[in-house]
Amino acid sequence: MNEQIDFLKKRGILGIDESGKGDFFGPLVIAGVLADDSEVPRMKEMNIRDSKKISDGRILQLADWIKANFAHTLVVIGPEKYNQLYDKIKNLNRLLAWGHSRVIENIASEHEIEKAVSDKFGKTDLIEAALMKQGRKINLEQIVRAEAIPQVAAASILARAEFVKSMSRLEQAYGVKLHKGGGAPVDTAARAVVQKHGPEILLKISKIHFKNYQRAIG
């Protein structure tokens, strides 16, 4: 309870990042972490950096620390919801913009955001168009290699940790080893899960606009 009280009405820079957009299996996760300049040294002491440079085991540890020490939010779009949204929007960048806007709105509803920063994936106006009343007041920047900013790196860790945990839950639920990315091991796993559970299972555990889907059911 004390942690929640400490997080109320914070002011700072909101870092936003996502995990799962290049992975056939699993959800798309967008995370946000809010921290001011005075808190950045603590992140550096913990060696908070781009999640792609950290092992999954360490990511899970760091995610717990980030959640305990900083205002944060997670938007998890599970495979079924992802497929529904993609079928409607038909554009990954617009779907990402929708998720980023939800992160901004979630944090802005309780905290004051000086600036929101994310990695560049498309035109900034895609996110701006998806924002609602609260978020439209906020300065938004999309920059290349945004993970160099500690708040964005922290968000990348939170997003990756949730993605890793989601993948583990799917593996346990369906009894098949799933793989990250979209390469040959993913195709092998997709065919195995289809053979075990039928092709309709891919709607529940994967992003069906990926080419892996046609290879699995073909």
Protein backbone atom coordinates (compact mmCIF):
# COMPACT_ATOMS: atom_id res chain seq x y z
CA MET A 1 0.00 0.00 0.00
CA ASN A 2 2.83 2.43 0.84
CA GLU A 3 4.34 1.91 -2.63
CA GLN A 4 1.03 2.86 -4.22
CA ILE A 5 0.85 6.04 -2.12
CA ASP A 6 4.39 7.00 -3.09
CA PHE A 7 3.49 6.64 -6.76
CA LEU A 8 0.55 9.06 -6.63
CA LYS A 9 0.88 12.36 -8.47
CA LYS A 10 4.43 11.77 -9.62
CA ARG A 11 5.95 13.95 -12.32
CA GLY A 12 8.55 12.85 -14.83
CA ILE A 13 9.46 11.48 -18.24
CA LEU A 14 7.42 8.54 -19.45
CA GLY A 15 9.38 5.91 -21.36
CA ILE A 16 7.37 3.58 -23.60
CA ASP A 17 8.47 0.38 -25.33
CA GLU A 18 6.96 -2.86 -26.58
CA SER A 19 7.74 -6.55 -26.88
CA GLY A 20 6.28 -9.22 -29.12
CA LYS A 21 5.70 -7.29 -32.32
CA GLY A 22 8.21 -9.44 -34.21
CA ASP A 23 7.16 -12.70 -32.57
CA PHE A 24 4.63 -15.05 -34.20
CA PHE A 25 3.65 -16.61 -30.88
CA GLY A 26 2.46 -14.70 -27.85
CA PRO A 27 0.99 -11.29 -27.13
CA LEU A 28 1.99 -7.77 -28.01
CA VAL A 29 2.97 -6.00 -24.79
CA ILE A 30 3.42 -2.24 -24.45
CA ALA A 31 4.84 -0.88 -21.20
CA GLY A 32 5.36 2.56 -19.72
CA VAL A 33 7.66 3.64 -16.88
CA LEU A 34 7.59 7.13 -15.35
CA ALA A 35 10.67 8.58 -13.63
CA ASP A 36 12.14 12.02 -13.06
CA ASP A 37 15.79 13.04 -13.44
CA SER A 38 16.55 12.40 -9.77
CA GLU A 39 15.56 8.73 -10.15
CA VAL A 40 17.68 7.99 -13.21
CA PRO A 41 20.89 7.31 -11.21
CA ARG A 42 19.11 4.46 -9.40
CA MET A 43 18.26 2.92 -12.77
CA LYS A 44 21.87 3.22 -13.88
CA GLU A 45 23.07 1.61 -10.65
CA MET A 46 20.86 -1.39 -11.47
CA ASN A 47 22.29 -1.44 -15.03
CA ILE A 48 18.89 -0.83 -16.59
CA ARG A 49 19.42 -1.06 -20.34
CA ASP A 50 17.83 -2.33 -23.54
CA SER A 51 16.09 -5.64 -22.75
CA LYS A 52 17.57 -7.23 -25.88
CA LYS A 53 20.95 -7.15 -24.12
CA ILE A 54 19.71 -8.96 -20.99
CA SER A 55 18.93 -12.62 -20.33
CA ASP A 56 15.31 -13.60 -19.68
CA GLY A 57 16.11 -14.63 -16.11
CA ARG A 58 17.66 -11.26 -15.26
CA ILE A 59 14.83 -9.45 -17.04
CA LEU A 60 12.29 -11.05 -14.69
CA GLN A 61 14.34 -9.92 -11.66
CA LEU A 62 14.73 -6.37 -12.94
CA ALA A 63 11.04 -6.14 -13.83
CA ASP A 64 10.10 -6.87 -10.21
CA TRP A 65 12.47 -4.13 -9.04
CA ILE A 66 11.09 -1.61 -11.55
CA LYS A 67 7.50 -2.35 -10.53
CA ALA A 68 8.37 -1.87 -6.86
CA ASN A 69 10.12 1.46 -7.39
CA PHE A 70 8.49 3.35 -10.26
CA ALA A 71 5.07 4.32 -11.54
CA HIS A 72 4.34 2.01 -14.45
CA THR A 73 1.65 0.46 -16.61
CA LEU A 74 1.30 -2.52 -18.94
CA VAL A 75 -1.01 -2.92 -21.92
CA VAL A 76 -1.12 -6.59 -22.89
CA ILE A 77 -2.83 -7.45 -26.17
CA GLY A 78 -3.27 -11.22 -26.18
CA PRO A 79 -3.18 -13.13 -29.47
CA GLU A 80 -6.97 -13.39 -29.85
CA LYS A 81 -7.49 -9.67 -29.22
CA TYR A 82 -4.45 -8.84 -31.36
CA ASN A 83 -5.89 -10.78 -34.30
CA GLN A 84 -9.24 -9.03 -33.92
CA LEU A 85 -7.59 -5.59 -33.81
CA TYR A 86 -5.27 -6.33 -36.70
CA ASP A 87 -8.20 -7.57 -38.79
CA LYS A 88 -9.92 -4.27 -38.11
CA ILE A 89 -6.95 -1.89 -38.34
CA LYS A 90 -4.86 -3.87 -40.89
CA ASN A 91 -1.69 -1.98 -40.03
CA LEU A 92 0.87 -2.87 -37.34
CA ASN A 93 2.04 0.70 -36.82
CA ARG A 94 -1.52 1.88 -36.18
CA LEU A 95 -2.03 -0.99 -33.75
CA LEU A 96 1.20 -0.03 -31.98
CA ALA A 97 0.05 3.59 -31.87
CA TRP A 98 -3.21 2.50 -30.25
CA GLY A 99 -1.27 0.56 -27.59
CA HIS A 100 1.16 3.42 -26.95
CA SER A 101 -1.74 5.83 -26.56
CA ARG A 102 -3.35 3.56 -23.96
CA VAL A 103 -0.09 3.53 -21.97
CA ILE A 104 0.06 7.34 -22.05
CA GLU A 105 -3.57 7.67 -21.01
CA ASN A 106 -3.14 5.18 -18.14
CA ILE A 107 -0.21 7.09 -16.65
CA ALA A 108 -1.64 10.55 -17.40
CA SER A 109 -4.78 9.71 -15.46
CA GLU A 110 -2.76 9.59 -12.20
CA HIS A 111 0.52 11.42 -12.84
CA GLU A 112 1.95 14.49 -14.51
CA ILE A 113 4.01 13.67 -17.60
CA GLU A 114 6.66 16.17 -18.68
CA LYS A 115 7.30 14.26 -21.88
CA ALA A 116 6.59 10.82 -23.33
CA VAL A 117 9.41 9.12 -25.26
CA SER A 118 9.31 5.97 -27.38
CA ASP A 119 11.31 4.24 -30.07
CA LYS A 120 10.45 5.44 -33.56
CA PHE A 121 8.19 3.01 -35.42
CA GLY A 122 6.11 5.32 -37.59
CA LYS A 123 4.85 8.87 -37.83
CA THR A 124 4.31 10.55 -34.47
CA ASP A 125 0.87 11.69 -35.59
CA LEU A 126 -0.31 8.05 -35.53
CA ILE A 127 -0.02 8.07 -31.74
CA GLU A 128 -1.30 11.62 -31.46
CA ALA A 129 -4.40 10.69 -33.42
CA ALA A 130 -5.08 7.77 -31.07
CA LEU A 131 -4.73 9.84 -27.90
CA MET A 132 -7.71 10.96 -25.89
CA LYS A 133 -8.24 14.16 -23.89
CA GLN A 134 -5.54 13.64 -21.23
CA GLY A 135 -2.83 12.45 -23.59
CA ARG A 136 -3.24 15.24 -26.13
CA LYS A 137 -1.75 17.71 -23.65
CA ILE A 138 1.56 15.81 -23.53
CA ASN A 139 4.70 16.41 -25.56
CA LEU A 140 5.49 13.17 -27.41
CA GLU A 141 8.85 12.25 -28.95
CA GLN A 142 9.73 9.23 -31.07
CA ILE A 143 13.46 8.77 -31.52
CA VAL A 144 15.76 6.14 -33.00
CA ARG A 145 17.37 3.87 -30.37
CA ALA A 146 15.22 5.35 -27.62
CA GLU A 147 16.31 2.50 -25.30
CA ALA A 148 19.39 4.62 -24.56
CA ILE A 149 17.04 6.68 -22.35
CA PRO A 150 16.72 4.89 -18.97
CA GLN A 151 12.95 5.27 -18.74
CA VAL A 152 12.50 3.66 -22.16
CA ALA A 153 14.98 0.90 -21.28
CA ALA A 154 12.99 0.22 -18.11
CA ALA A 155 9.79 0.02 -20.16
CA SER A 156 11.47 -2.41 -22.55
CA ILE A 157 12.34 -4.64 -19.58
CA LEU A 158 8.78 -4.59 -18.22
CA ALA A 159 7.33 -5.38 -21.64
CA ARG A 160 9.80 -8.21 -22.26
CA ALA A 161 9.24 -9.72 -18.83
CA GLU A 162 5.49 -9.85 -19.39
CA PHE A 163 6.02 -11.35 -22.85
CA VAL A 164 8.32 -14.05 -21.43
CA LYS A 165 5.79 -14.92 -18.72
CA SER A 166 2.97 -15.04 -21.27
CA MET A 167 4.93 -17.40 -23.49
CA SER A 168 5.59 -19.68 -20.53
CA ARG A 169 1.88 -19.79 -19.70
CA LEU A 170 1.02 -20.70 -23.30
CA GLU A 171 3.61 -23.48 -23.33
CA GLN A 172 2.20 -24.94 -20.13
CA ALA A 173 -1.38 -24.66 -21.34
CA TYR A 174 -0.81 -26.41 -24.68
CA GLY A 175 2.14 -28.67 -23.94
CA VAL A 176 4.32 -27.50 -26.82
CA LYS A 177 7.66 -25.66 -26.72
CA LEU A 178 7.13 -22.32 -28.45
CA HIS A 179 9.90 -20.17 -29.87
CA LYS A 180 10.41 -16.42 -30.12
CA GLY A 181 10.68 -14.60 -33.43
CA GLY A 182 9.48 -15.92 -36.75
CA GLY A 183 12.19 -18.24 -38.05
CA ALA A 184 12.42 -21.95 -38.83
CA PRO A 185 12.10 -23.14 -35.18
CA VAL A 186 8.84 -21.19 -34.97
CA ASP A 187 7.52 -22.96 -38.07
CA THR A 188 8.39 -26.33 -36.52
CA ALA A 189 6.62 -25.41 -33.28
CA ALA A 190 3.58 -24.10 -35.17
CA ARG A 191 3.21 -27.35 -37.11
CA ALA A 192 3.57 -29.34 -33.88
CA VAL A 193 0.87 -27.36 -32.09
CA VAL A 194 -1.46 -27.62 -35.09
CA GLN A 195 -0.95 -31.37 -35.23
CA LYS A 196 -1.73 -31.64 -31.52
CA HIS A 197 -4.62 -29.18 -31.19
CA GLY A 198 -5.83 -28.37 -34.72
CA PRO A 199 -5.30 -25.21 -36.84
CA GLU A 200 -7.86 -23.14 -34.92
CA ILE A 201 -5.51 -23.09 -31.93
CA LEU A 202 -3.27 -20.62 -33.75
CA LEU A 203 -5.97 -17.96 -33.39
CA LYS A 204 -5.45 -18.19 -29.62
CA ILE A 205 -1.67 -18.31 -29.40
CA SER A 206 -0.24 -16.54 -32.46
CA LYS A 207 -0.45 -13.51 -34.74
CA ILE A 208 -2.06 -14.94 -37.83
CA HIS A 209 -1.04 -12.19 -40.28
CA PHE A 210 2.53 -13.52 -40.04
CA LYS A 211 3.64 -15.75 -42.94
CA ASN A 212 4.29 -18.50 -40.37
CA TYR A 213 0.53 -18.99 -40.13
CA GLN A 214 0.09 -19.99 -43.77
CA ARG A 215 3.11 -22.27 -43.59
CA ALA A 216 1.68 -23.97 -40.48
CA ILE A 217 -1.80 -24.63 -41.85
CA GLY A 218 -0.62 -25.30 -45.42
